[in-house]
Protein backbone atom coordinates (compact mmCIF):
# COMPACT_ATOMS: atom_id res chain seq x y z
CA MET A 1 11.31 -37.28 -19.70
CA ALA A 2 8.27 -35.33 -20.62
CA SER A 3 6.01 -38.34 -19.44
CA ASN A 4 5.19 -36.73 -15.96
CA LYS A 5 5.40 -33.09 -17.27
CA LEU A 6 2.37 -31.23 -19.13
CA LEU A 7 3.28 -30.89 -22.69
CA LEU A 8 2.98 -27.50 -24.06
CA LEU A 9 3.35 -26.04 -27.78
CA ILE A 10 4.08 -22.31 -27.87
CA THR A 11 3.83 -20.87 -31.92
CA GLY A 12 6.31 -18.06 -32.44
CA GLY A 13 8.20 -19.10 -29.27
CA ASN A 14 11.69 -18.22 -31.15
CA GLN A 15 11.59 -14.59 -29.84
CA GLY A 16 9.75 -11.76 -28.04
CA LEU A 17 6.64 -12.79 -25.92
CA GLY A 18 6.80 -16.52 -26.76
CA TYR A 19 10.42 -16.82 -25.79
CA TYR A 20 10.07 -15.09 -22.55
CA ALA A 21 7.16 -17.31 -21.92
CA ALA A 22 8.94 -20.61 -22.71
CA LYS A 23 11.79 -19.23 -20.09
CA GLN A 24 9.12 -18.87 -17.28
CA LEU A 25 7.29 -21.86 -17.88
CA SER A 26 10.17 -24.02 -18.47
CA ALA A 27 12.01 -22.83 -14.94
CA SER A 28 9.04 -24.05 -13.14
CA GLY A 29 9.79 -27.90 -14.12
CA ARG A 30 6.23 -28.98 -14.57
CA TYR A 31 6.09 -28.67 -18.69
CA HIS A 32 7.80 -30.21 -21.55
CA ILE A 33 7.94 -27.45 -24.27
CA PHE A 34 7.70 -27.73 -27.66
CA LEU A 35 9.31 -24.24 -28.88
CA GLY A 36 7.69 -23.76 -32.39
CA SER A 37 9.23 -21.83 -35.22
CA ARG A 38 8.47 -21.19 -39.02
CA ASN A 39 12.36 -22.15 -39.05
CA PHE A 40 13.54 -25.21 -37.49
CA GLN A 41 17.21 -23.51 -36.80
CA LYS A 42 15.76 -20.35 -35.24
CA ALA A 43 14.08 -22.08 -32.85
CA GLU A 44 17.00 -24.57 -31.92
CA GLN A 45 19.02 -20.89 -31.60
CA ALA A 46 16.50 -19.57 -29.50
CA ILE A 47 17.15 -22.54 -26.96
CA ALA A 48 20.75 -22.07 -27.33
CA SER A 49 20.28 -18.43 -26.22
CA MET A 50 18.34 -19.15 -23.18
CA LYS A 51 21.47 -21.38 -22.02
CA THR A 52 23.47 -17.90 -21.47
CA ASP A 53 20.41 -15.35 -21.11
CA ASP A 54 20.32 -14.70 -17.48
CA SER A 55 17.77 -12.13 -17.67
CA SER A 56 15.17 -14.58 -15.99
CA PRO A 57 15.43 -18.07 -15.20
CA SER A 58 14.97 -21.25 -17.37
CA ASN A 59 15.55 -24.36 -18.03
CA THR A 60 16.53 -25.66 -21.40
CA ALA A 61 15.99 -29.45 -20.66
CA ASN A 62 12.71 -29.15 -20.82
CA ILE A 63 12.49 -27.27 -24.23
CA GLU A 64 12.45 -29.01 -27.64
CA PRO A 65 12.34 -27.33 -30.91
CA ILE A 66 9.66 -27.53 -33.57
CA GLN A 67 9.03 -26.40 -36.82
CA ILE A 68 5.51 -24.92 -37.35
CA ASP A 69 4.62 -21.82 -39.47
CA VAL A 70 0.92 -20.96 -39.11
CA ASN A 71 0.52 -19.80 -42.75
CA ASP A 72 1.47 -23.45 -44.22
CA ASP A 73 -1.34 -25.78 -43.26
CA ALA A 74 0.83 -28.78 -44.27
CA SER A 75 3.55 -27.35 -41.46
CA ILE A 76 0.78 -27.20 -39.02
CA GLN A 77 -0.38 -30.70 -39.52
CA ALA A 78 3.49 -31.95 -39.66
CA ALA A 79 3.75 -30.40 -36.25
CA ALA A 80 0.59 -32.03 -35.04
CA ASP A 81 1.62 -35.49 -36.33
CA TYR A 82 4.91 -35.41 -34.74
CA VAL A 83 3.37 -34.70 -31.35
CA LEU A 84 0.91 -37.35 -32.06
CA GLN A 85 3.69 -39.77 -32.93
CA LYS A 86 5.69 -39.22 -30.18
CA HIS A 87 3.28 -38.66 -27.30
CA GLY A 88 -0.01 -39.38 -28.21
CA TYR A 89 -1.68 -36.13 -26.79
CA LEU A 90 -0.92 -32.25 -25.85
CA ASP A 91 -1.84 -30.85 -22.58
CA VAL A 92 -1.49 -26.94 -23.56
CA LEU A 93 -1.53 -25.26 -26.85
CA MET A 94 -0.25 -21.42 -26.88
CA LEU A 95 -1.18 -19.38 -30.07
CA ASN A 96 1.47 -16.85 -30.07
CA ALA A 97 2.72 -16.29 -33.36
CA GLY A 98 1.74 -12.87 -35.05
CA ILE A 99 2.44 -10.20 -37.21
CA SER A 100 1.79 -6.40 -36.98
CA ARG A 101 2.54 -5.23 -40.68
CA ALA A 102 2.60 -6.89 -43.95
CA ALA A 103 5.92 -7.92 -45.54
CA GLY A 104 7.71 -5.39 -47.59
CA VAL A 105 6.01 -2.48 -45.88
CA GLU A 106 7.34 -0.01 -43.25
CA SER A 107 4.54 0.44 -40.93
CA ASP A 108 0.39 -0.95 -40.52
CA LEU A 109 -0.74 1.05 -43.47
CA GLY A 110 0.91 1.19 -46.65
CA PRO A 111 1.68 1.77 -49.45
CA ASN A 112 5.33 2.99 -48.46
CA GLU A 113 6.28 6.61 -49.35
CA ASP A 114 7.80 5.70 -52.56
CA GLY A 115 4.82 3.54 -53.43
CA SER A 116 6.11 0.39 -53.01
CA GLY A 117 4.88 -2.44 -51.14
CA PRO A 118 1.76 -4.58 -51.57
CA SER A 119 -2.05 -3.56 -51.89
CA LEU A 120 -3.79 -2.52 -48.85
CA ARG A 121 -6.09 -5.74 -49.49
CA GLU A 122 -2.72 -7.82 -49.48
CA GLN A 123 -2.04 -6.36 -46.28
CA TYR A 124 -4.90 -7.06 -44.63
CA ARG A 125 -4.82 -10.80 -46.04
CA GLN A 126 -1.40 -11.14 -44.87
CA GLN A 127 -2.31 -10.03 -41.28
CA TYR A 128 -5.35 -11.80 -40.97
CA ASP A 129 -3.57 -15.15 -42.38
CA THR A 130 -1.46 -14.99 -39.88
CA ASN A 131 -2.73 -13.91 -36.74
CA VAL A 132 -6.51 -15.13 -37.34
CA PHE A 133 -6.72 -17.89 -39.69
CA GLY A 134 -3.43 -19.70 -38.61
CA ALA A 135 -4.62 -19.57 -35.12
CA ALA A 136 -7.81 -21.06 -35.91
CA VAL A 137 -6.31 -23.62 -38.06
CA CYS A 138 -3.78 -24.57 -35.38
CA VAL A 139 -6.55 -25.09 -32.90
CA ASP A 140 -8.52 -27.36 -34.98
CA SER A 141 -5.56 -29.33 -35.96
CA PHE A 142 -4.33 -29.80 -32.62
CA LEU A 143 -7.42 -30.45 -30.82
CA PRO A 144 -7.51 -34.11 -31.03
CA LEU A 145 -4.60 -34.06 -29.44
CA LEU A 146 -5.88 -32.09 -26.63
CA ARG A 147 -9.00 -33.86 -26.26
CA LYS A 148 -6.75 -36.80 -25.25
CA SER A 149 -4.98 -34.79 -22.36
CA THR A 150 -5.88 -36.34 -19.05
CA ALA A 151 -3.30 -34.51 -16.79
CA PRO A 152 -4.48 -31.97 -14.33
CA GLY A 153 -3.85 -28.49 -16.01
CA GLY A 154 -4.67 -29.96 -19.32
CA LYS A 155 -6.95 -28.81 -22.10
CA ARG A 156 -5.74 -25.65 -21.89
CA ILE A 157 -5.65 -23.35 -25.06
CA ALA A 158 -4.17 -19.97 -24.74
CA PHE A 159 -4.18 -17.11 -27.23
CA THR A 160 -2.14 -14.18 -27.21
CA GLY A 161 -4.52 -11.47 -27.73
CA SER A 162 -4.17 -7.28 -27.18
CA SER A 163 -5.99 -4.50 -25.91
CA THR A 164 -5.93 -2.77 -29.22
CA ALA A 165 -8.73 -5.25 -30.08
CA CYS A 166 -11.20 -3.57 -27.29
CA LEU A 167 -13.77 -1.83 -29.19
CA GLU A 168 -15.05 0.37 -26.19
CA LEU A 169 -11.46 1.47 -25.37
CA ALA A 170 -11.07 2.45 -29.29
CA ARG A 171 -14.32 4.37 -29.30
CA THR A 172 -13.67 6.24 -25.79
CA ASP A 173 -10.15 6.68 -24.85
CA PRO A 174 -8.17 9.09 -27.25
CA THR A 175 -5.03 8.29 -25.28
CA HIS A 176 -5.14 4.52 -25.90
CA LEU A 177 -2.72 3.16 -28.35
CA ASN A 178 -5.47 1.75 -30.77
CA GLY A 179 -7.21 4.81 -30.86
CA LYS A 180 -5.04 6.21 -34.02
CA HIS A 181 -2.62 3.31 -34.93
CA TYR A 182 -2.28 -0.25 -35.86
CA ARG A 183 -5.66 -0.53 -37.83
CA LEU A 184 -5.33 -3.53 -39.65
CA TYR A 185 -3.75 -5.49 -36.61
CA ARG A 186 -5.72 -4.43 -33.78
CA SER A 187 -8.72 -5.45 -36.34
CA THR A 188 -7.38 -8.91 -36.51
CA LYS A 189 -6.98 -9.11 -32.87
CA THR A 190 -10.41 -8.10 -32.49
CA ALA A 191 -11.67 -11.16 -34.85
CA LEU A 192 -9.02 -13.47 -32.70
CA ASN A 193 -11.25 -12.23 -29.68
CA MET A 194 -14.51 -13.67 -30.84
CA VAL A 195 -12.46 -17.06 -32.34
CA MET A 196 -11.29 -17.27 -28.56
CA VAL A 197 -14.72 -17.01 -27.25
CA SER A 198 -16.64 -19.57 -29.66
CA TYR A 199 -13.64 -22.11 -28.54
CA ALA A 200 -14.32 -21.45 -24.94
CA ARG A 201 -18.16 -22.28 -25.22
CA GLU A 202 -17.57 -24.93 -27.78
CA LEU A 203 -15.29 -26.88 -25.46
CA GLU A 204 -16.14 -25.74 -21.83
CA ASP A 205 -18.56 -28.94 -21.26
CA GLU A 206 -15.31 -30.94 -22.16
CA GLY A 207 -13.24 -29.46 -19.41
CA PHE A 208 -11.22 -27.12 -21.49
CA VAL A 209 -9.93 -23.40 -20.47
CA VAL A 210 -9.75 -20.95 -23.09
CA SER A 211 -8.42 -17.40 -22.86
CA ALA A 212 -6.43 -14.92 -24.28
CA SER A 213 -3.67 -12.79 -22.96
CA ASN A 214 -3.29 -8.95 -22.94
CA PRO A 215 0.67 -8.50 -22.26
CA GLY A 216 0.61 -4.65 -23.07
CA HIS A 217 2.62 -2.67 -25.15
CA CYS A 218 5.75 -4.71 -24.95
CA GLY A 219 9.10 -3.85 -27.10
CA THR A 220 9.66 -6.98 -29.42
CA ASN A 221 10.33 -7.14 -32.88
CA LEU A 222 6.17 -7.06 -33.28
CA ASN A 223 6.78 -3.43 -33.01
CA LEU A 224 10.11 -2.78 -34.14
CA TYR A 225 11.03 -2.83 -30.35
CA LYS A 226 9.18 0.69 -29.68
CA GLY A 227 6.85 -0.66 -26.96
CA LEU A 228 7.28 0.68 -23.33
CA LYS A 229 7.08 -2.73 -21.44
CA ASP A 230 9.56 -5.03 -20.79
CA PRO A 231 8.24 -8.19 -22.66
CA ARG A 232 9.50 -10.25 -19.61
CA GLU A 233 6.70 -8.75 -17.76
CA GLY A 234 4.27 -9.13 -20.51
CA ALA A 235 4.96 -12.89 -20.94
CA LYS A 236 3.69 -13.19 -17.26
CA VAL A 237 0.48 -12.59 -18.71
CA LEU A 238 0.85 -15.64 -21.07
CA VAL A 239 1.87 -17.70 -18.36
CA GLU A 240 -1.21 -16.73 -16.15
CA CYS A 241 -3.58 -17.83 -18.86
CA VAL A 242 -1.98 -21.14 -18.99
CA GLU A 243 -1.71 -21.24 -15.38
CA GLY A 244 -4.49 -19.31 -13.72
CA ARG A 245 -7.99 -20.41 -12.60
CA LYS A 246 -10.40 -21.31 -14.92
CA GLU A 247 -12.87 -18.93 -13.45
CA ASP A 248 -10.25 -16.14 -13.58
CA VAL A 249 -9.45 -16.61 -17.51
CA HIS A 250 -11.89 -18.69 -19.48
CA GLY A 251 -13.58 -16.84 -22.26
CA PHE A 252 -12.02 -13.58 -21.28
CA LEU A 253 -9.01 -11.33 -22.21
CA VAL A 254 -7.07 -10.94 -19.42
CA ASP A 255 -3.95 -8.86 -18.32
CA GLU A 256 -2.28 -8.50 -14.90
CA SER A 257 -4.97 -6.96 -13.44
CA GLY A 258 -7.57 -9.37 -14.39
CA LYS A 259 -10.26 -9.56 -17.42
CA LEU A 260 -10.66 -7.09 -19.64
CA ASP A 261 -14.38 -5.94 -21.41
CA TRP A 262 -13.83 -5.47 -25.13
């Protein structure tokens, strides 16, 4: 039963970093996890996959599929209503859903070589809609439920960020990934940092812990599996934002080494 566990919802949990974070968190036995996906069947398939995936421990008895599309306000509200009706509260919200390129384009900046694909304005719109606007709407929609959390370790909001958002690195380190690539994507993550800090300051007097993880350049569908880091390792940073001490994570972008300046 979920009554003695922290209730945690992950957006974009059916693959990549969200998938492995769910596996790791479920294995601890401390959480009942709502595994969010735009497509309910994909959430179910992800949970089924975990049962035969022995690459890292998991306990699928602690995981429940839920449909949530961060680009659709009605979908977000329906997910919040479901959690409200079933439990009346939520302890932890992990905002992991994200994209690094618009639909119909082959890279971060288009159009494609043949001239096809959406305009540059549309590409910016799609990435900001998912990576920034969707995350912000999720927080506001679930905030009434998070405010009802009374469990130690509750009232947590964890964004999935990126060091590609760090302005100082982009300006001074030509070897860093964000120096020449992913202009659209990294700008959304910079905006997301400000959203995170704003919520951290607004909610800290209520006992919230709000943070953002930098999992590193992991090989996931986000980058067509070109990342150099195992997503199982990257997911550990997402878990740290959920379980780390407030003084170590609150109001910061963090990686496995600690707090990052941006």
